[in-house]
Structure formats: C-alpha cells, structure tokens
All heavy atoms as atom14 arrays in JSON, in Angstrom:
{
  "sequence": "RLEESGGASVRAGDSLRISCRAYGDTECIERMHWYRQVSGKDKELV",
  "atom14_mask": [
    [1, 1, 1, 1, 1, 1, 1, 1, 1, 1, 1, 0, 0, 0],
    [1, 1, 1, 1, 1, 1, 1, 1, 0, 0, 0, 0, 0, 0],
    [1, 1, 1, 1, 1, 1, 1, 1, 1, 0, 0, 0, 0, 0],
    [1, 1, 1, 1, 1, 1, 1, 1, 1, 0, 0, 0, 0, 0],
    [1, 1, 1, 1, 1, 1, 0, 0, 0, 0, 0, 0, 0, 0],
    [1, 1, 1, 1, 0, 0, 0, 0, 0, 0, 0, 0, 0, 0],
    [1, 1, 1, 1, 0, 0, 0, 0, 0, 0, 0, 0, 0, 0],
    [1, 1, 1, 1, 1, 0, 0, 0, 0, 0, 0, 0, 0, 0],
    [1, 1, 1, 1, 1, 1, 0, 0, 0, 0, 0, 0, 0, 0],
    [1, 1, 1, 1, 1, 1, 1, 0, 0, 0, 0, 0, 0, 0],
    [1, 1, 1, 1, 1, 1, 1, 1, 1, 1, 1, 0, 0, 0],
    [1, 1, 1, 1, 1, 0, 0, 0, 0, 0, 0, 0, 0, 0],
    [1, 1, 1, 1, 0, 0, 0, 0, 0, 0, 0, 0, 0, 0],
    [1, 1, 1, 1, 1, 1, 1, 1, 0, 0, 0, 0, 0, 0],
    [1, 1, 1, 1, 1, 1, 0, 0, 0, 0, 0, 0, 0, 0],
    [1, 1, 1, 1, 1, 1, 1, 1, 0, 0, 0, 0, 0, 0],
    [1, 1, 1, 1, 1, 1, 1, 1, 1, 1, 1, 0, 0, 0],
    [1, 1, 1, 1, 1, 1, 1, 1, 0, 0, 0, 0, 0, 0],
    [1, 1, 1, 1, 1, 1, 0, 0, 0, 0, 0, 0, 0, 0],
    [1, 1, 1, 1, 1, 1, 0, 0, 0, 0, 0, 0, 0, 0],
    [1, 1, 1, 1, 1, 1, 1, 1, 1, 1, 1, 0, 0, 0],
    [1, 1, 1, 1, 1, 0, 0, 0, 0, 0, 0, 0, 0, 0],
    [1, 1, 1, 1, 1, 1, 1, 1, 1, 1, 1, 1, 0, 0],
    [1, 1, 1, 1, 0, 0, 0, 0, 0, 0, 0, 0, 0, 0],
    [1, 1, 1, 1, 1, 1, 1, 1, 0, 0, 0, 0, 0, 0],
    [1, 1, 1, 1, 1, 1, 1, 0, 0, 0, 0, 0, 0, 0],
    [1, 1, 1, 1, 1, 1, 1, 1, 1, 0, 0, 0, 0, 0],
    [1, 1, 1, 1, 1, 1, 0, 0, 0, 0, 0, 0, 0, 0],
    [1, 1, 1, 1, 1, 1, 1, 1, 0, 0, 0, 0, 0, 0],
    [1, 1, 1, 1, 1, 1, 1, 1, 1, 0, 0, 0, 0, 0],
    [1, 1, 1, 1, 1, 1, 1, 1, 1, 1, 1, 0, 0, 0],
    [1, 1, 1, 1, 1, 1, 1, 1, 0, 0, 0, 0, 0, 0],
    [1, 1, 1, 1, 1, 1, 1, 1, 1, 1, 0, 0, 0, 0],
    [1, 1, 1, 1, 1, 1, 1, 1, 1, 1, 1, 1, 1, 1],
    [1, 1, 1, 1, 1, 1, 1, 1, 1, 1, 1, 1, 0, 0],
    [1, 1, 1, 1, 1, 1, 1, 1, 1, 1, 1, 0, 0, 0],
    [1, 1, 1, 1, 1, 1, 1, 1, 1, 0, 0, 0, 0, 0],
    [1, 1, 1, 1, 1, 1, 1, 0, 0, 0, 0, 0, 0, 0],
    [1, 1, 1, 1, 1, 1, 0, 0, 0, 0, 0, 0, 0, 0],
    [1, 1, 1, 1, 0, 0, 0, 0, 0, 0, 0, 0, 0, 0],
    [1, 1, 1, 1, 1, 1, 1, 1, 1, 0, 0, 0, 0, 0],
    [1, 1, 1, 1, 1, 1, 1, 1, 0, 0, 0, 0, 0, 0],
    [1, 1, 1, 1, 1, 1, 1, 1, 1, 0, 0, 0, 0, 0],
    [1, 1, 1, 1, 1, 1, 1, 1, 1, 0, 0, 0, 0, 0],
    [1, 1, 1, 1, 1, 1, 1, 1, 0, 0, 0, 0, 0, 0],
    [1, 1, 1, 1, 1, 1, 1, 0, 0, 0, 0, 0, 0, 0]
  ],
  "atom14_positions": [
    [[-13.39, -10.9, 7.18], [-13.63, -11.91, 6.17], [-13.36, -11.31, 4.8], [-13.7, -10.15, 4.56], [-15.06, -12.43, 6.25], [-15.36, -13.21, 7.52], [-16.82, -13.57, 7.64], [-17.64, -12.42, 7.99], [-18.48, -11.81, 7.17], [-18.61, -12.22, 5.92], [-19.17, -10.77, 7.58], [0.0, 0.0, 0.0], [0.0, 0.0, 0.0], [0.0, 0.0, 0.0]],
    [[-12.77, -12.08, 3.93], [-12.36, -11.6, 2.61], [-13.11, -12.36, 1.52], [-13.37, -13.56, 1.64], [-10.86, -11.78, 2.4], [-9.84, -11.01, 3.25], [-10.22, -9.56, 3.36], [-9.65, -11.69, 4.59], [0.0, 0.0, 0.0], [0.0, 0.0, 0.0], [0.0, 0.0, 0.0], [0.0, 0.0, 0.0], [0.0, 0.0, 0.0], [0.0, 0.0, 0.0]],
    [[-13.43, -11.63, 0.5], [-14.08, -12.23, -0.66], [-13.42, -11.69, -1.93], [-13.48, -10.49, -2.19], [-15.58, -11.94, -0.66], [-16.34, -12.59, -1.82], [-17.83, -12.38, -1.7], [-18.46, -12.99, -0.81], [-18.36, -11.6, -2.5], [0.0, 0.0, 0.0], [0.0, 0.0, 0.0], [0.0, 0.0, 0.0], [0.0, 0.0, 0.0], [0.0, 0.0, 0.0]],
    [[-12.83, -12.57, -2.67], [-12.19, -12.21, -3.94], [-13.11, -12.56, -5.11], [-13.88, -13.51, -5.04], [-10.85, -12.97, -4.11], [-9.85, -12.73, -3.0], [-9.98, -13.69, -1.83], [-10.95, -14.49, -1.78], [-9.08, -13.67, -0.96], [0.0, 0.0, 0.0], [0.0, 0.0, 0.0], [0.0, 0.0, 0.0], [0.0, 0.0, 0.0], [0.0, 0.0, 0.0]],
    [[-13.01, -11.76, -6.15], [-13.85, -12.01, -7.32], [-13.16, -11.48, -8.58], [-12.18, -10.74, -8.5], [-15.22, -11.33, -7.15], [-15.08, -9.92, -7.02], [0.0, 0.0, 0.0], [0.0, 0.0, 0.0], [0.0, 0.0, 0.0], [0.0, 0.0, 0.0], [0.0, 0.0, 0.0], [0.0, 0.0, 0.0], [0.0, 0.0, 0.0], [0.0, 0.0, 0.0]],
    [[-13.69, -11.86, -9.71], [-13.2, -11.36, -10.97], [-12.3, -12.28, -11.77], [-11.94, -11.98, -12.91], [0.0, 0.0, 0.0], [0.0, 0.0, 0.0], [0.0, 0.0, 0.0], [0.0, 0.0, 0.0], [0.0, 0.0, 0.0], [0.0, 0.0, 0.0], [0.0, 0.0, 0.0], [0.0, 0.0, 0.0], [0.0, 0.0, 0.0], [0.0, 0.0, 0.0]],
    [[-11.91, -13.4, -11.17], [-11.05, -14.33, -11.89], [-11.75, -14.92, -13.09], [-12.98, -14.99, -13.14], [0.0, 0.0, 0.0], [0.0, 0.0, 0.0], [0.0, 0.0, 0.0], [0.0, 0.0, 0.0], [0.0, 0.0, 0.0], [0.0, 0.0, 0.0], [0.0, 0.0, 0.0], [0.0, 0.0, 0.0], [0.0, 0.0, 0.0], [0.0, 0.0, 0.0]],
    [[-10.95, -15.34, -14.06], [-11.49, -15.88, -15.29], [-10.43, -16.67, -16.04], [-9.25, -16.67, -15.66], [-12.01, -14.75, -16.18], [0.0, 0.0, 0.0], [0.0, 0.0, 0.0], [0.0, 0.0, 0.0], [0.0, 0.0, 0.0], [0.0, 0.0, 0.0], [0.0, 0.0, 0.0], [0.0, 0.0, 0.0], [0.0, 0.0, 0.0], [0.0, 0.0, 0.0]],
    [[-10.85, -17.34, -17.06], [-9.95, -18.01, -17.97], [-9.71, -17.09, -19.17], [-10.66, -16.7, -19.86], [-10.54, -19.34, -18.45], [-10.65, -20.27, -17.38], [0.0, 0.0, 0.0], [0.0, 0.0, 0.0], [0.0, 0.0, 0.0], [0.0, 0.0, 0.0], [0.0, 0.0, 0.0], [0.0, 0.0, 0.0], [0.0, 0.0, 0.0], [0.0, 0.0, 0.0]],
    [[-8.46, -16.75, -19.38], [-8.1, -15.8, -20.43], [-6.93, -16.36, -21.24], [-6.41, -17.42, -20.94], [-7.71, -14.43, -19.85], [-8.9, -13.82, -19.08], [-6.49, -14.54, -18.93], [0.0, 0.0, 0.0], [0.0, 0.0, 0.0], [0.0, 0.0, 0.0], [0.0, 0.0, 0.0], [0.0, 0.0, 0.0], [0.0, 0.0, 0.0], [0.0, 0.0, 0.0]],
    [[-6.54, -15.61, -22.26], [-5.4, -16.0, -23.08], [-4.19, -15.14, -22.78], [-4.3, -14.04, -22.27], [-5.81, -15.85, -24.56], [-6.94, -16.76, -25.01], [-7.32, -16.5, -26.43], [-8.41, -17.33, -26.87], [-8.97, -17.27, -28.06], [-8.56, -16.39, -28.97], [-9.98, -18.09, -28.37], [0.0, 0.0, 0.0], [0.0, 0.0, 0.0], [0.0, 0.0, 0.0]],
    [[-3.04, -15.66, -23.1], [-1.81, -14.92, -22.91], [-1.9, -13.54, -23.58], [-2.36, -13.45, -24.72], [-0.62, -15.7, -23.45], [0.0, 0.0, 0.0], [0.0, 0.0, 0.0], [0.0, 0.0, 0.0], [0.0, 0.0, 0.0], [0.0, 0.0, 0.0], [0.0, 0.0, 0.0], [0.0, 0.0, 0.0], [0.0, 0.0, 0.0], [0.0, 0.0, 0.0]],
    [[-1.47, -12.52, -22.87], [-1.54, -11.17, -23.38], [-2.78, -10.42, -22.96], [-2.84, -9.18, -23.11], [0.0, 0.0, 0.0], [0.0, 0.0, 0.0], [0.0, 0.0, 0.0], [0.0, 0.0, 0.0], [0.0, 0.0, 0.0], [0.0, 0.0, 0.0], [0.0, 0.0, 0.0], [0.0, 0.0, 0.0], [0.0, 0.0, 0.0], [0.0, 0.0, 0.0]],
    [[-3.77, -11.12, -22.46], [-5.01, -10.48, -22.05], [-4.85, -9.71, -20.73], [-3.86, -9.86, -20.02], [-6.12, -11.52, -21.88], [-6.7, -11.99, -23.18], [-6.32, -11.46, -24.23], [-7.54, -12.9, -23.15], [0.0, 0.0, 0.0], [0.0, 0.0, 0.0], [0.0, 0.0, 0.0], [0.0, 0.0, 0.0], [0.0, 0.0, 0.0], [0.0, 0.0, 0.0]],
    [[-5.85, -8.91, -20.42], [-5.91, -8.18, -19.19], [-7.11, -8.62, -18.37], [-8.1, -9.13, -18.89], [-6.03, -6.66, -19.44], [-4.89, -6.16, -20.11], [0.0, 0.0, 0.0], [0.0, 0.0, 0.0], [0.0, 0.0, 0.0], [0.0, 0.0, 0.0], [0.0, 0.0, 0.0], [0.0, 0.0, 0.0], [0.0, 0.0, 0.0], [0.0, 0.0, 0.0]],
    [[-7.03, -8.42, -17.06], [-8.08, -8.84, -16.17], [-8.01, -8.0, -14.89], [-6.92, -7.69, -14.42], [-7.92, -10.32, -15.84], [-9.09, -11.04, -15.17], [-10.3, -11.11, -16.13], [-8.65, -12.45, -14.78], [0.0, 0.0, 0.0], [0.0, 0.0, 0.0], [0.0, 0.0, 0.0], [0.0, 0.0, 0.0], [0.0, 0.0, 0.0], [0.0, 0.0, 0.0]],
    [[-9.15, -7.64, -14.37], [-9.21, -6.92, -13.1], [-9.92, -7.8, -12.07], [-11.06, -8.23, -12.28], [-9.92, -5.59, -13.23], [-9.87, -4.74, -11.97], [-10.54, -3.39, -12.14], [-11.97, -3.52, -12.26], [-12.78, -2.52, -12.58], [-12.29, -1.32, -12.86], [-14.1, -2.72, -12.66], [0.0, 0.0, 0.0], [0.0, 0.0, 0.0], [0.0, 0.0, 0.0]],
    [[-9.23, -8.03, -10.97], [-9.85, -8.79, -9.88], [-10.05, -7.85, -8.69], [-9.4, -6.83, -8.56], [-8.99, -10.01, -9.5], [-7.57, -9.6, -9.1], [-8.95, -11.01, -10.65], [-6.71, -10.77, -8.61], [0.0, 0.0, 0.0], [0.0, 0.0, 0.0], [0.0, 0.0, 0.0], [0.0, 0.0, 0.0], [0.0, 0.0, 0.0], [0.0, 0.0, 0.0]],
    [[-10.99, -8.23, -7.83], [-11.35, -7.38, -6.72], [-11.36, -8.16, -5.42], [-11.54, -9.37, -5.39], [-12.75, -6.78, -6.94], [-12.76, -5.94, -8.07], [0.0, 0.0, 0.0], [0.0, 0.0, 0.0], [0.0, 0.0, 0.0], [0.0, 0.0, 0.0], [0.0, 0.0, 0.0], [0.0, 0.0, 0.0], [0.0, 0.0, 0.0], [0.0, 0.0, 0.0]],
    [[-11.15, -7.41, -4.35], [-11.18, -7.96, -2.98], [-12.1, -7.08, -2.16], [-11.97, -5.85, -2.16], [-9.77, -7.97, -2.4], [-9.69, -8.24, -0.61], [0.0, 0.0, 0.0], [0.0, 0.0, 0.0], [0.0, 0.0, 0.0], [0.0, 0.0, 0.0], [0.0, 0.0, 0.0], [0.0, 0.0, 0.0], [0.0, 0.0, 0.0], [0.0, 0.0, 0.0]],
    [[-13.03, -7.69, -1.46], [-13.89, -6.96, -0.56], [-13.81, -7.55, 0.83], [-13.89, -8.77, 0.99], [-15.33, -6.94, -1.06], [-16.22, -5.97, -0.35], [-17.56, -5.82, -1.0], [-18.38, -4.83, -0.31], [-19.64, -4.54, -0.63], [-20.21, -5.14, -1.66], [-20.3, -3.63, 0.04], [0.0, 0.0, 0.0], [0.0, 0.0, 0.0], [0.0, 0.0, 0.0]],
    [[-13.66, -6.69, 1.82], [-13.53, -7.12, 3.22], [-14.82, -6.85, 3.97], [-15.49, -5.82, 3.76], [-12.38, -6.38, 3.88], [0.0, 0.0, 0.0], [0.0, 0.0, 0.0], [0.0, 0.0, 0.0], [0.0, 0.0, 0.0], [0.0, 0.0, 0.0], [0.0, 0.0, 0.0], [0.0, 0.0, 0.0], [0.0, 0.0, 0.0], [0.0, 0.0, 0.0]],
    [[-15.15, -7.76, 4.85], [-16.34, -7.67, 5.69], [-15.98, -7.89, 7.14], [-14.95, -8.46, 7.46], [-17.38, -8.71, 5.26], [-17.83, -8.62, 3.84], [-17.13, -9.25, 2.81], [-18.98, -7.92, 3.51], [-17.55, -9.18, 1.51], [-19.4, -7.84, 2.2], [-18.7, -8.47, 1.2], [-19.13, -8.39, -0.09], [0.0, 0.0, 0.0], [0.0, 0.0, 0.0]],
    [[-16.87, -7.47, 8.04], [-16.66, -7.72, 9.44], [-15.98, -6.56, 10.16], [-16.33, -5.4, 9.93], [0.0, 0.0, 0.0], [0.0, 0.0, 0.0], [0.0, 0.0, 0.0], [0.0, 0.0, 0.0], [0.0, 0.0, 0.0], [0.0, 0.0, 0.0], [0.0, 0.0, 0.0], [0.0, 0.0, 0.0], [0.0, 0.0, 0.0], [0.0, 0.0, 0.0]],
    [[-15.01, -6.86, 10.99], [-14.3, -5.85, 11.79], [-13.22, -5.17, 10.96], [-12.03, -5.38, 11.18], [-13.72, -6.48, 13.04], [-14.78, -7.07, 13.94], [-15.92, -6.54, 13.98], [-14.49, -8.07, 14.63], [0.0, 0.0, 0.0], [0.0, 0.0, 0.0], [0.0, 0.0, 0.0], [0.0, 0.0, 0.0], [0.0, 0.0, 0.0], [0.0, 0.0, 0.0]],
    [[-13.65, -4.38, 10.03], [-12.73, -3.85, 9.01], [-11.97, -2.6, 9.4], [-11.14, -2.11, 8.63], [-13.5, -3.56, 7.71], [-14.55, -2.61, 7.97], [-14.12, -4.83, 7.17], [0.0, 0.0, 0.0], [0.0, 0.0, 0.0], [0.0, 0.0, 0.0], [0.0, 0.0, 0.0], [0.0, 0.0, 0.0], [0.0, 0.0, 0.0], [0.0, 0.0, 0.0]],
    [[-12.22, -2.03, 10.61], [-11.53, -0.82, 11.02], [-10.04, -1.02, 11.18], [-9.27, -0.04, 11.16], [-12.13, -0.26, 12.3], [-13.56, 0.25, 12.15], [-14.08, 0.91, 13.4], [-13.4, 0.86, 14.44], [-15.19, 1.47, 13.35], [0.0, 0.0, 0.0], [0.0, 0.0, 0.0], [0.0, 0.0, 0.0], [0.0, 0.0, 0.0], [0.0, 0.0, 0.0]],
    [[-9.61, -2.22, 11.35], [-8.19, -2.51, 11.54], [-7.39, -2.4, 10.24], [-6.18, -2.36, 10.26], [-7.99, -3.92, 12.12], [-8.63, -5.24, 11.03], [0.0, 0.0, 0.0], [0.0, 0.0, 0.0], [0.0, 0.0, 0.0], [0.0, 0.0, 0.0], [0.0, 0.0, 0.0], [0.0, 0.0, 0.0], [0.0, 0.0, 0.0], [0.0, 0.0, 0.0]],
    [[-8.07, -2.38, 9.13], [-7.39, -2.46, 7.84], [-6.67, -1.17, 7.53], [-7.24, -0.09, 7.46], [-8.4, -2.77, 6.71], [-9.05, -4.14, 6.96], [-7.69, -2.78, 5.35], [-10.15, -4.49, 5.98], [0.0, 0.0, 0.0], [0.0, 0.0, 0.0], [0.0, 0.0, 0.0], [0.0, 0.0, 0.0], [0.0, 0.0, 0.0], [0.0, 0.0, 0.0]],
    [[-5.35, -1.3, 7.31], [-4.52, -0.18, 6.87], [-3.94, -0.43, 5.48], [-3.48, 0.49, 4.83], [-3.36, 0.03, 7.86], [-3.82, 0.51, 9.21], [-2.69, 0.85, 10.14], [-1.52, 0.68, 9.73], [-2.94, 1.28, 11.28], [0.0, 0.0, 0.0], [0.0, 0.0, 0.0], [0.0, 0.0, 0.0], [0.0, 0.0, 0.0], [0.0, 0.0, 0.0]],
    [[-3.99, -1.67, 5.05], [-3.47, -2.02, 3.75], [-4.05, -3.36, 3.36], [-4.61, -4.09, 4.19], [-1.94, -2.12, 3.76], [-1.42, -3.23, 4.69], [0.11, -3.15, 4.85], [0.51, -1.94, 5.51], [0.55, -1.76, 6.82], [0.2, -2.75, 7.64], [0.94, -0.59, 7.31], [0.0, 0.0, 0.0], [0.0, 0.0, 0.0], [0.0, 0.0, 0.0]],
    [[-3.98, -3.69, 2.08], [-4.45, -4.98, 1.62], [-3.39, -5.56, 0.7], [-2.91, -4.91, -0.22], [-5.77, -4.83, 0.88], [-6.43, -6.19, 0.57], [-6.96, -7.08, 2.09], [-8.33, -6.05, 2.62], [0.0, 0.0, 0.0], [0.0, 0.0, 0.0], [0.0, 0.0, 0.0], [0.0, 0.0, 0.0], [0.0, 0.0, 0.0], [0.0, 0.0, 0.0]],
    [[-3.03, -6.79, 0.99], [-2.05, -7.51, 0.21], [-2.76, -8.41, -0.79], [-3.78, -9.05, -0.46], [-1.16, -8.38, 1.1], [-0.5, -7.67, 2.21], [0.56, -6.81, 2.02], [-0.74, -7.68, 3.55], [0.96, -6.32, 3.19], [0.16, -6.84, 4.15], [0.0, 0.0, 0.0], [0.0, 0.0, 0.0], [0.0, 0.0, 0.0], [0.0, 0.0, 0.0]],
    [[-2.2, -8.49, -1.97], [-2.63, -9.48, -2.94], [-1.57, -10.55, -3.06], [-0.39, -10.26, -3.24], [-2.84, -8.86, -4.33], [-4.19, -8.21, -4.52], [-4.48, -6.9, -4.52], [-5.41, -8.88, -4.78], [-5.82, -6.69, -4.77], [-6.41, -7.91, -4.92], [-5.79, -10.23, -4.91], [-7.77, -8.22, -5.17], [-7.11, -10.55, -5.15], [-8.09, -9.55, -5.3]],
    [[-2.0, -11.79, -2.93], [-1.13, -12.94, -3.07], [-1.65, -13.82, -4.2], [-2.83, -13.79, -4.54], [-1.11, -13.8, -1.81], [-0.48, -13.17, -0.58], [-1.18, -12.33, 0.26], [0.86, -13.46, -0.26], [-0.61, -11.79, 1.39], [1.45, -12.91, 0.85], [0.71, -12.09, 1.68], [1.29, -11.53, 2.81], [0.0, 0.0, 0.0], [0.0, 0.0, 0.0]],
    [[-0.77, -14.63, -4.74], [-1.23, -15.66, -5.65], [-0.62, -16.97, -5.19], [0.48, -17.03, -4.6], [-0.83, -15.36, -7.1], [0.62, -15.5, -7.41], [0.89, -15.17, -8.88], [2.25, -15.49, -9.28], [2.78, -15.17, -10.45], [2.05, -14.53, -11.37], [4.03, -15.51, -10.72], [0.0, 0.0, 0.0], [0.0, 0.0, 0.0], [0.0, 0.0, 0.0]],
    [[-1.32, -18.04, -5.47], [-0.84, -19.36, -5.1], [-0.97, -20.28, -6.29], [-2.1, -20.65, -6.72], [-1.64, -19.92, -3.91], [-1.1, -21.26, -3.42], [-1.75, -21.68, -2.1], [-2.93, -21.43, -1.87], [-0.97, -22.32, -1.24], [0.0, 0.0, 0.0], [0.0, 0.0, 0.0], [0.0, 0.0, 0.0], [0.0, 0.0, 0.0], [0.0, 0.0, 0.0]],
    [[0.14, -20.65, -6.84], [0.18, -21.63, -7.91], [-0.08, -23.0, -7.31], [0.36, -23.29, -6.17], [1.54, -21.6, -8.64], [1.62, -22.68, -9.72], [1.78, -20.24, -9.25], [0.0, 0.0, 0.0], [0.0, 0.0, 0.0], [0.0, 0.0, 0.0], [0.0, 0.0, 0.0], [0.0, 0.0, 0.0], [0.0, 0.0, 0.0], [0.0, 0.0, 0.0]],
    [[-0.78, -23.84, -8.01], [-1.1, -25.16, -7.5], [0.12, -25.89, -6.98], [1.13, -25.99, -7.68], [-1.78, -25.97, -8.59], [-2.14, -27.26, -8.14], [0.0, 0.0, 0.0], [0.0, 0.0, 0.0], [0.0, 0.0, 0.0], [0.0, 0.0, 0.0], [0.0, 0.0, 0.0], [0.0, 0.0, 0.0], [0.0, 0.0, 0.0], [0.0, 0.0, 0.0]],
    [[0.05, -26.35, -5.75], [1.13, -27.1, -5.15], [2.25, -26.28, -4.56], [3.2, -26.82, -4.02], [0.0, 0.0, 0.0], [0.0, 0.0, 0.0], [0.0, 0.0, 0.0], [0.0, 0.0, 0.0], [0.0, 0.0, 0.0], [0.0, 0.0, 0.0], [0.0, 0.0, 0.0], [0.0, 0.0, 0.0], [0.0, 0.0, 0.0], [0.0, 0.0, 0.0]],
    [[2.13, -24.95, -4.6], [3.16, -24.07, -4.08], [2.61, -23.14, -3.01], [1.42, -23.08, -2.78], [3.8, -23.27, -5.22], [4.49, -24.08, -6.28], [5.18, -23.24, -7.31], [5.91, -24.08, -8.33], [6.59, -23.25, -9.34], [0.0, 0.0, 0.0], [0.0, 0.0, 0.0], [0.0, 0.0, 0.0], [0.0, 0.0, 0.0], [0.0, 0.0, 0.0]],
    [[3.51, -22.44, -2.33], [3.11, -21.5, -1.31], [2.58, -20.21, -1.93], [2.84, -19.89, -3.09], [4.3, -21.16, -0.43], [4.78, -22.3, 0.42], [3.97, -23.21, 0.73], [5.96, -22.32, 0.77], [0.0, 0.0, 0.0], [0.0, 0.0, 0.0], [0.0, 0.0, 0.0], [0.0, 0.0, 0.0], [0.0, 0.0, 0.0], [0.0, 0.0, 0.0]],
    [[1.83, -19.47, -1.13], [1.4, -18.16, -1.56], [2.58, -17.24, -1.73], [3.52, -17.28, -0.94], [0.41, -17.54, -0.54], [-0.92, -18.23, -0.41], [-1.8, -17.48, 0.58], [-3.19, -18.11, 0.68], [-3.15, -19.42, 1.39], [0.0, 0.0, 0.0], [0.0, 0.0, 0.0], [0.0, 0.0, 0.0], [0.0, 0.0, 0.0], [0.0, 0.0, 0.0]],
    [[2.53, -16.4, -2.75], [3.58, -15.4, -2.96], [2.95, -14.02, -3.09], [1.91, -13.86, -3.72], [4.43, -15.74, -4.17], [3.69, -15.94, -5.46], [4.58, -16.36, -6.62], [5.83, -16.36, -6.46], [4.06, -16.69, -7.69], [0.0, 0.0, 0.0], [0.0, 0.0, 0.0], [0.0, 0.0, 0.0], [0.0, 0.0, 0.0], [0.0, 0.0, 0.0]],
    [[3.59, -13.05, -2.51], [3.06, -11.7, -2.51], [3.23, -11.05, -3.87], [4.32, -11.07, -4.46], [3.77, -10.86, -1.44], [3.34, -9.42, -1.27], [1.89, -9.34, -0.77], [4.29, -8.68, -0.32], [0.0, 0.0, 0.0], [0.0, 0.0, 0.0], [0.0, 0.0, 0.0], [0.0, 0.0, 0.0], [0.0, 0.0, 0.0], [0.0, 0.0, 0.0]],
    [[2.15, -10.43, -4.34], [2.15, -9.75, -5.62], [2.19, -8.23, -5.44], [2.94, -7.52, -6.1], [0.92, -10.15, -6.47], [0.85, -9.32, -7.73], [0.99, -11.63, -6.81], [0.0, 0.0, 0.0], [0.0, 0.0, 0.0], [0.0, 0.0, 0.0], [0.0, 0.0, 0.0], [0.0, 0.0, 0.0], [0.0, 0.0, 0.0], [0.0, 0.0, 0.0]]
  ]
}
C-alpha cells in the first residue's frame, strides 16, 4: 500500500518536496517510481 504526502499549492518557481511511504509486504520493493497525472490524462513517469 502506498501513501503520498507533501503536495501543496505553490507559485511558479517555487520548490516542494513530496514523499512516498510504502506499507504491507514491502520486501518486494527494489525501486520506487514517481508518476504524475494531469487532470484528464494518463499517468506519466517522472
């Protein structure tokens, strides 16, 4: 299970740090992908 946090409303040029925490059967994890999804579009890998 994944839980993302840290998002906010900011202004152009600002910085922000977001976090991802995994729970459950986490021994399988070898990497973590960050994706973003613009409203109405597919997820894209960041």
